Amino acid sequence: MKLILSTSNIMNSGPPSVIRHPMMQKSNIELITSLRSNFVASQTLDNTGVDGANCAANGQHGNVASWTENCEDGLYIPAVDFSQHGLAEERDQYDITVKLFYLPGIPASRRCAHTREAIDLVLRELHVKSIDLLIVSFPGILFDADDDSDEEGSDASGEDDFDSMVQTWRVLESLHEQGVIAQMGVAEFGSERLARFLPHTQVKPTVDQINLKDCCVVPKSLILYAKQEKIQLLTHNDCNDILPVGMTRELLGPKDQGGAGILASAPDANDGIQGDVEPQWVVKYTAVVKDRGVVENKGYFALADVGTCVQSRS
């Protein structure tokens, strides 16, 4: 069973912000805080008194709290009314950037479906047919500014991981060909990985987004190689593991423990969905008004898988 988590437009909690370069809070703090806030806001509007979730005898997920919503094979948490969202001005007035985080421990074979799911949600949310830039963040890559070597390890799995990145890029290239993505980018790639990766691409990344942590110096080798290949270097302050399993479980867990009351409180409890929760991906989107440099719409979607049935409430 899929659980689709959303923050809605986090800019609605205050006036639009002028774009500022990093040194802001880690994006996982922004993600978790925004999810909690959206859950609470939706629960406050729910006056039905229905808590948790249950499933019908036929094994479907059936009735749920009215602040959530059934979708074809899962649940929106909270309910998402795509018809009410969108951008205030014409599409050509915006730069839309999307960053897709593939999470640790999730088989690379799922990335094709994950990419299309995540992009489709953003397109529906913003009422657009395309995005200007998609940056993909692969798990297990940590950029070290002191050593332009972005390989996290040199074990036997490294070749398989590289092959899976190439295969994932093929999916992005197909979306580029369809006009859904104008430009594509990667995260945490040093000059060595870029040099190895580029020959396997038909559409080159135009952006390499790197996390400099506490360091402010980009390796000269990367600067020179990026300039040679016409790749723009950007920095970010995102976490490598943006949505850990434990945090997801806490977010969706029992209300008396600070959660949303979606997951059951115990293996034999009938107050929520039964099963182990497993976050699959996170996507962050930002729509900036070009001529003013103002962020009008920013938010996150995340997908988690959980056990396929829940116990009926008495």
Protein backbone atom coordinates (compact mmCIF):
# COMPACT_ATOMS: atom_id res chain seq x y z
CA MET A 1 0.00 0.00 0.00
CA LYS A 2 1.36 3.39 -1.00
CA LEU A 3 1.29 6.37 1.33
CA ILE A 4 1.79 9.66 -0.53
CA LEU A 5 2.84 12.38 1.89
CA SER A 6 2.66 16.05 0.97
CA THR A 7 3.50 19.42 2.50
CA SER A 8 1.36 21.54 0.17
CA ASN A 9 2.80 24.95 -0.65
CA ILE A 10 5.01 25.81 2.31
CA MET A 11 5.16 29.43 1.15
CA ASN A 12 1.53 29.83 2.23
CA SER A 13 2.64 29.91 5.86
CA GLY A 14 4.11 33.35 5.30
CA PRO A 15 4.94 35.92 2.62
CA PRO A 16 6.93 34.78 -0.43
CA SER A 17 10.68 34.70 0.16
CA VAL A 18 13.29 36.28 -2.06
CA ILE A 19 15.79 33.67 -3.23
CA ARG A 20 18.80 33.42 -0.94
CA HIS A 21 21.78 31.17 -1.33
CA PRO A 22 22.27 28.27 1.12
CA MET A 23 23.26 28.36 4.78
CA MET A 24 19.60 27.91 5.60
CA GLN A 25 18.28 24.99 7.61
CA LYS A 26 18.83 21.47 6.39
CA SER A 27 16.09 20.52 3.96
CA ASN A 28 15.16 17.44 5.93
CA ILE A 29 14.24 19.71 8.86
CA GLU A 30 12.17 21.78 6.46
CA LEU A 31 10.58 18.61 5.06
CA ILE A 32 9.70 17.08 8.43
CA THR A 33 8.45 20.35 9.91
CA SER A 34 6.32 21.08 6.85
CA LEU A 35 4.81 17.59 6.79
CA ARG A 36 3.90 17.82 10.48
CA SER A 37 2.39 21.26 9.95
CA ASN A 38 0.30 20.10 7.00
CA PHE A 39 -0.92 17.04 8.90
CA VAL A 40 -1.97 19.15 11.89
CA ALA A 41 -3.68 21.75 9.70
CA SER A 42 -5.64 19.06 7.88
CA GLN A 43 -6.61 17.29 11.11
CA THR A 44 -7.84 20.59 12.54
CA LEU A 45 -10.21 20.98 9.58
CA ASP A 46 -11.46 17.41 10.05
CA ASN A 47 -14.55 17.46 12.26
CA THR A 48 -15.71 13.91 11.68
CA GLY A 49 -13.97 12.42 14.70
CA VAL A 50 -12.65 9.51 12.62
CA ASP A 51 -9.11 8.59 13.63
CA GLY A 52 -6.54 6.25 12.16
CA ALA A 53 -7.36 3.96 9.25
CA ASN A 54 -9.07 0.64 8.72
CA CYS A 55 -9.59 -1.87 5.95
CA ALA A 56 -12.65 -3.62 4.70
CA ALA A 57 -13.11 -7.38 4.64
CA ASN A 58 -12.11 -7.52 0.98
CA GLY A 59 -8.59 -6.43 1.84
CA GLN A 60 -8.85 -2.88 0.49
CA HIS A 61 -7.81 0.04 2.64
CA GLY A 62 -11.42 1.23 2.87
CA ASN A 63 -12.44 4.04 5.23
CA VAL A 64 -9.79 6.40 6.50
CA ALA A 65 -9.71 9.62 8.45
CA SER A 66 -11.46 12.26 6.36
CA TRP A 67 -8.38 14.45 6.29
CA THR A 68 -6.72 11.76 4.16
CA GLU A 69 -7.90 10.45 0.79
CA ASN A 70 -7.90 7.10 -1.00
CA CYS A 71 -6.08 6.96 -4.30
CA GLU A 72 -5.94 4.10 -6.79
CA ASP A 73 -3.50 1.94 -4.84
CA GLY A 74 -2.88 3.86 -1.67
CA LEU A 75 -3.57 6.89 0.43
CA TYR A 76 -2.88 10.63 0.19
CA ILE A 77 -1.76 12.01 3.55
CA PRO A 78 -3.29 14.53 3.81
CA ALA A 79 -5.92 14.66 1.04
CA VAL A 80 -4.66 16.59 -2.00
CA ASP A 81 -7.06 18.69 -4.04
CA PHE A 82 -5.04 19.21 -7.19
CA SER A 83 -7.81 21.33 -8.73
CA GLN A 84 -7.24 24.05 -6.14
CA HIS A 85 -3.50 24.43 -6.67
CA GLY A 86 -1.37 25.77 -9.48
CA LEU A 87 0.57 28.91 -10.33
CA ALA A 88 -0.78 32.45 -10.22
CA GLU A 89 0.76 33.62 -13.50
CA GLU A 90 1.47 32.20 -16.95
CA ARG A 91 3.86 29.25 -17.10
CA ASP A 92 6.58 31.16 -18.96
CA GLN A 93 6.91 33.55 -16.02
CA TYR A 94 8.47 30.81 -13.85
CA ASP A 95 11.60 28.79 -13.39
CA ILE A 96 10.57 25.44 -11.96
CA THR A 97 13.28 23.34 -10.35
CA VAL A 98 12.70 19.83 -9.01
CA LYS A 99 15.08 17.69 -6.98
CA LEU A 100 14.38 13.97 -6.72
CA PHE A 101 15.97 12.02 -3.90
CA TYR A 102 16.34 8.27 -4.44
CA LEU A 103 16.55 6.83 -0.94
CA PRO A 104 19.09 4.38 0.54
CA GLY A 105 18.13 0.72 0.65
CA ILE A 106 15.59 0.93 -2.19
CA PRO A 107 16.37 -1.27 -5.23
CA ALA A 108 17.51 0.68 -8.27
CA SER A 109 15.03 -1.36 -10.33
CA ARG A 110 12.21 0.76 -8.90
CA ARG A 111 13.63 4.09 -10.02
CA CYS A 112 11.90 4.16 -13.41
CA ALA A 113 8.45 4.07 -11.79
CA HIS A 114 9.57 6.34 -8.95
CA THR A 115 10.83 9.01 -11.34
CA ARG A 116 7.59 9.12 -13.29
CA GLU A 117 5.44 9.06 -10.12
CA ALA A 118 7.32 11.93 -8.53
CA ILE A 119 7.37 14.14 -11.63
CA ASP A 120 3.68 13.49 -12.32
CA LEU A 121 2.73 14.64 -8.81
CA VAL A 122 4.67 17.88 -9.25
CA LEU A 123 3.13 18.55 -12.66
CA ARG A 124 -0.36 17.98 -11.27
CA GLU A 125 0.34 20.13 -8.22
CA LEU A 126 1.59 23.10 -10.23
CA HIS A 127 -0.77 22.61 -13.22
CA VAL A 128 2.10 22.58 -15.70
CA LYS A 129 3.25 20.24 -18.44
CA SER A 130 6.98 20.60 -17.95
CA ILE A 131 9.72 21.57 -15.53
CA ASP A 132 12.86 23.58 -16.28
CA LEU A 133 15.39 21.56 -14.30
CA LEU A 134 15.38 18.14 -12.65
CA ILE A 135 18.27 17.30 -10.32
CA VAL A 136 18.59 13.69 -9.21
CA SER A 137 20.26 12.68 -5.98
CA PHE A 138 21.53 9.10 -5.87
CA PRO A 139 22.04 7.37 -2.51
CA GLY A 140 25.51 6.51 -1.31
CA ILE A 141 27.35 9.44 -2.89
CA LEU A 142 29.03 11.93 -0.58
CA PHE A 143 30.97 14.84 -2.00
CA ASP A 144 34.22 15.63 -0.20
CA ALA A 145 35.55 19.07 -1.03
CA ASP A 146 38.98 18.19 0.40
CA ASP A 147 39.30 15.19 -1.87
CA ASP A 148 37.68 15.30 -5.28
CA SER A 149 36.71 11.65 -4.99
CA ASP A 150 32.98 11.14 -4.70
CA GLU A 151 32.98 7.38 -4.39
CA GLU A 152 31.68 6.41 -0.97
CA GLY A 153 33.37 3.04 -1.20
CA SER A 154 35.29 0.80 -3.52
CA ASP A 155 33.53 -2.46 -2.80
CA ALA A 156 32.20 -4.88 -5.40
CA SER A 157 28.80 -3.17 -5.50
CA GLY A 158 30.29 0.01 -6.98
CA GLU A 159 30.00 -1.15 -10.59
CA ASP A 160 26.38 -2.20 -10.10
CA ASP A 161 25.60 1.19 -8.53
CA PHE A 162 27.17 3.02 -11.47
CA ASP A 163 25.26 0.90 -13.98
CA SER A 164 22.00 1.64 -12.16
CA MET A 165 22.72 5.37 -12.35
CA VAL A 166 23.22 5.10 -16.10
CA GLN A 167 19.96 3.18 -16.47
CA THR A 168 18.13 5.74 -14.33
CA TRP A 169 19.52 8.51 -16.53
CA ARG A 170 17.95 6.81 -19.54
CA VAL A 171 14.53 7.39 -17.96
CA LEU A 172 15.32 11.06 -17.51
CA GLU A 173 16.48 11.30 -21.11
CA SER A 174 13.17 9.86 -22.31
CA LEU A 175 11.30 12.50 -20.31
CA HIS A 176 13.58 15.14 -21.82
CA GLU A 177 12.74 13.87 -25.31
CA GLN A 178 9.03 14.13 -24.46
CA GLY A 179 9.49 17.76 -23.42
CA VAL A 180 8.66 17.11 -19.77
CA ILE A 181 12.14 18.08 -18.53
CA ALA A 182 14.09 20.92 -20.16
CA GLN A 183 17.41 20.40 -18.36
CA MET A 184 18.81 17.66 -16.13
CA GLY A 185 21.32 17.71 -13.34
CA VAL A 186 23.10 15.49 -10.83
CA ALA A 187 24.16 15.91 -7.22
CA GLU A 188 27.48 15.19 -5.48
CA PHE A 189 29.40 14.32 -8.64
CA GLY A 190 33.12 15.12 -8.54
CA SER A 191 35.27 15.42 -11.65
CA GLU A 192 36.19 11.73 -11.68
CA ARG A 193 32.61 10.52 -11.55
CA LEU A 194 31.51 13.09 -14.13
CA ALA A 195 34.29 12.01 -16.50
CA ARG A 196 33.18 8.42 -16.15
CA PHE A 197 29.47 9.19 -16.40
CA LEU A 198 29.24 11.63 -19.32
CA PRO A 199 30.29 9.17 -22.08
CA HIS A 200 27.25 7.04 -21.17
CA THR A 201 24.77 9.89 -21.65
CA GLN A 202 22.96 11.18 -24.71
CA VAL A 203 21.72 14.27 -22.87
CA LYS A 204 24.43 15.68 -20.63
CA PRO A 205 23.68 17.07 -17.18
CA THR A 206 23.81 20.86 -17.26
CA VAL A 207 24.05 21.18 -13.47
CA ASP A 208 26.12 19.52 -10.77
CA GLN A 209 24.82 20.35 -7.30
CA ILE A 210 27.31 19.76 -4.51
CA ASN A 211 27.18 19.95 -0.74
CA LEU A 212 30.23 21.75 0.56
CA LYS A 213 29.23 21.26 4.22
CA ASP A 214 31.51 23.53 6.25
CA CYS A 215 33.93 24.10 3.41
CA CYS A 216 33.71 26.96 0.95
CA VAL A 217 36.29 25.82 -1.60
CA VAL A 218 35.32 23.87 -4.70
CA PRO A 219 38.16 21.61 -5.92
CA LYS A 220 40.00 23.17 -8.84
CA SER A 221 39.82 19.93 -10.81
CA LEU A 222 36.02 20.05 -10.64
CA ILE A 223 35.85 23.72 -11.57
CA LEU A 224 38.00 23.16 -14.65
CA TYR A 225 36.19 20.01 -15.76
CA ALA A 226 32.75 21.58 -15.27
CA LYS A 227 33.81 24.61 -17.28
CA GLN A 228 35.13 22.38 -20.04
CA GLU A 229 31.86 20.42 -20.20
CA LYS A 230 29.64 23.51 -19.72
CA ILE A 231 28.20 22.20 -16.48
CA GLN A 232 27.02 24.76 -13.93
CA LEU A 233 28.15 24.11 -10.36
CA LEU A 234 25.54 24.85 -7.69
CA THR A 235 25.64 24.26 -3.93
CA HIS A 236 22.97 22.89 -1.62
CA ASN A 237 22.38 22.14 2.04
CA ASP A 238 20.31 18.97 1.72
CA CYS A 239 20.77 15.87 3.82
CA ASN A 240 22.00 12.69 2.16
CA ASP A 241 19.28 10.59 3.83
CA ILE A 242 16.40 13.03 3.75
CA LEU A 243 13.65 10.72 5.08
CA PRO A 244 14.92 7.87 7.29
CA VAL A 245 12.68 4.93 8.14
CA GLY A 246 12.55 5.82 11.84
CA MET A 247 11.49 9.39 11.14
CA THR A 248 8.78 8.21 8.73
CA ARG A 249 7.45 5.81 11.35
CA GLU A 250 7.44 8.62 13.93
CA LEU A 251 5.63 11.01 11.57
CA LEU A 252 2.84 8.54 10.83
CA GLY A 253 2.68 6.83 14.21
CA PRO A 254 0.21 7.11 17.11
CA LYS A 255 -1.09 10.54 18.03
CA ASP A 256 -0.16 10.12 21.68
CA GLN A 257 3.44 9.83 20.53
CA GLY A 258 3.30 12.93 18.36
CA GLY A 259 2.44 11.18 15.09
CA ALA A 260 -0.41 11.57 12.62
CA GLY A 261 -2.29 8.46 13.81
CA ILE A 262 -2.00 6.61 10.51
CA LEU A 263 0.09 3.61 11.54
CA ALA A 264 -1.10 1.13 14.15
CA SER A 265 0.33 1.66 17.63
CA ALA A 266 1.24 -2.03 18.04
CA PRO A 267 1.33 -5.24 15.94
CA ASP A 268 -1.98 -6.39 17.45
CA ALA A 269 -3.66 -2.97 17.61
CA ASN A 270 -6.63 -2.00 15.43
CA ASP A 271 -6.06 1.75 15.51
CA GLY A 272 -4.24 2.15 12.21
CA ILE A 273 -2.47 0.59 9.27
CA GLN A 274 -0.51 -2.56 10.11
CA GLY A 275 2.86 -3.30 8.54
CA ASP A 276 6.41 -2.05 8.24
CA VAL A 277 6.76 1.37 6.64
CA GLU A 278 9.49 1.93 4.05
CA PRO A 279 10.12 5.40 2.53
CA GLN A 280 10.77 5.14 -1.22
CA TRP A 281 11.58 8.62 -2.51
CA VAL A 282 11.26 12.34 -1.80
CA VAL A 283 10.80 15.12 -4.33
CA LYS A 284 11.25 18.84 -3.69
CA TYR A 285 9.86 21.44 -6.09
CA THR A 286 10.31 25.20 -6.32
CA ALA A 287 8.59 27.66 -8.64
CA VAL A 288 10.34 31.03 -8.86
CA VAL A 289 8.86 34.11 -10.55
CA LYS A 290 11.64 34.99 -12.99
CA ASP A 291 11.46 38.78 -13.08
CA ARG A 292 11.18 39.17 -9.29
CA GLY A 293 13.29 36.30 -8.02
CA VAL A 294 10.50 35.36 -5.64
CA VAL A 295 9.61 31.82 -4.60
CA GLU A 296 5.86 31.57 -5.13
CA ASN A 297 5.41 27.84 -4.67
CA LYS A 298 7.62 25.37 -2.85
CA GLY A 299 6.84 21.99 -1.38
CA TYR A 300 7.57 18.30 -1.08
CA PHE A 301 6.00 14.98 -1.90
CA ALA A 302 7.24 11.69 -0.46
CA LEU A 303 6.23 8.10 -1.05
CA ALA A 304 6.30 5.34 1.54
CA ASP A 305 5.21 1.73 1.21
CA VAL A 306 3.52 -0.05 4.10
CA GLY A 307 1.79 -3.39 4.76
CA THR A 308 -1.18 -4.04 2.48
CA CYS A 309 -3.92 -4.38 5.10
CA VAL A 310 -5.05 -2.97 8.41
CA GLN A 311 -7.19 -4.39 11.16
CA SER A 312 -10.87 -3.41 11.27
CA ARG A 313 -11.84 -1.02 14.06
CA SER A 314 -14.35 -2.29 16.58
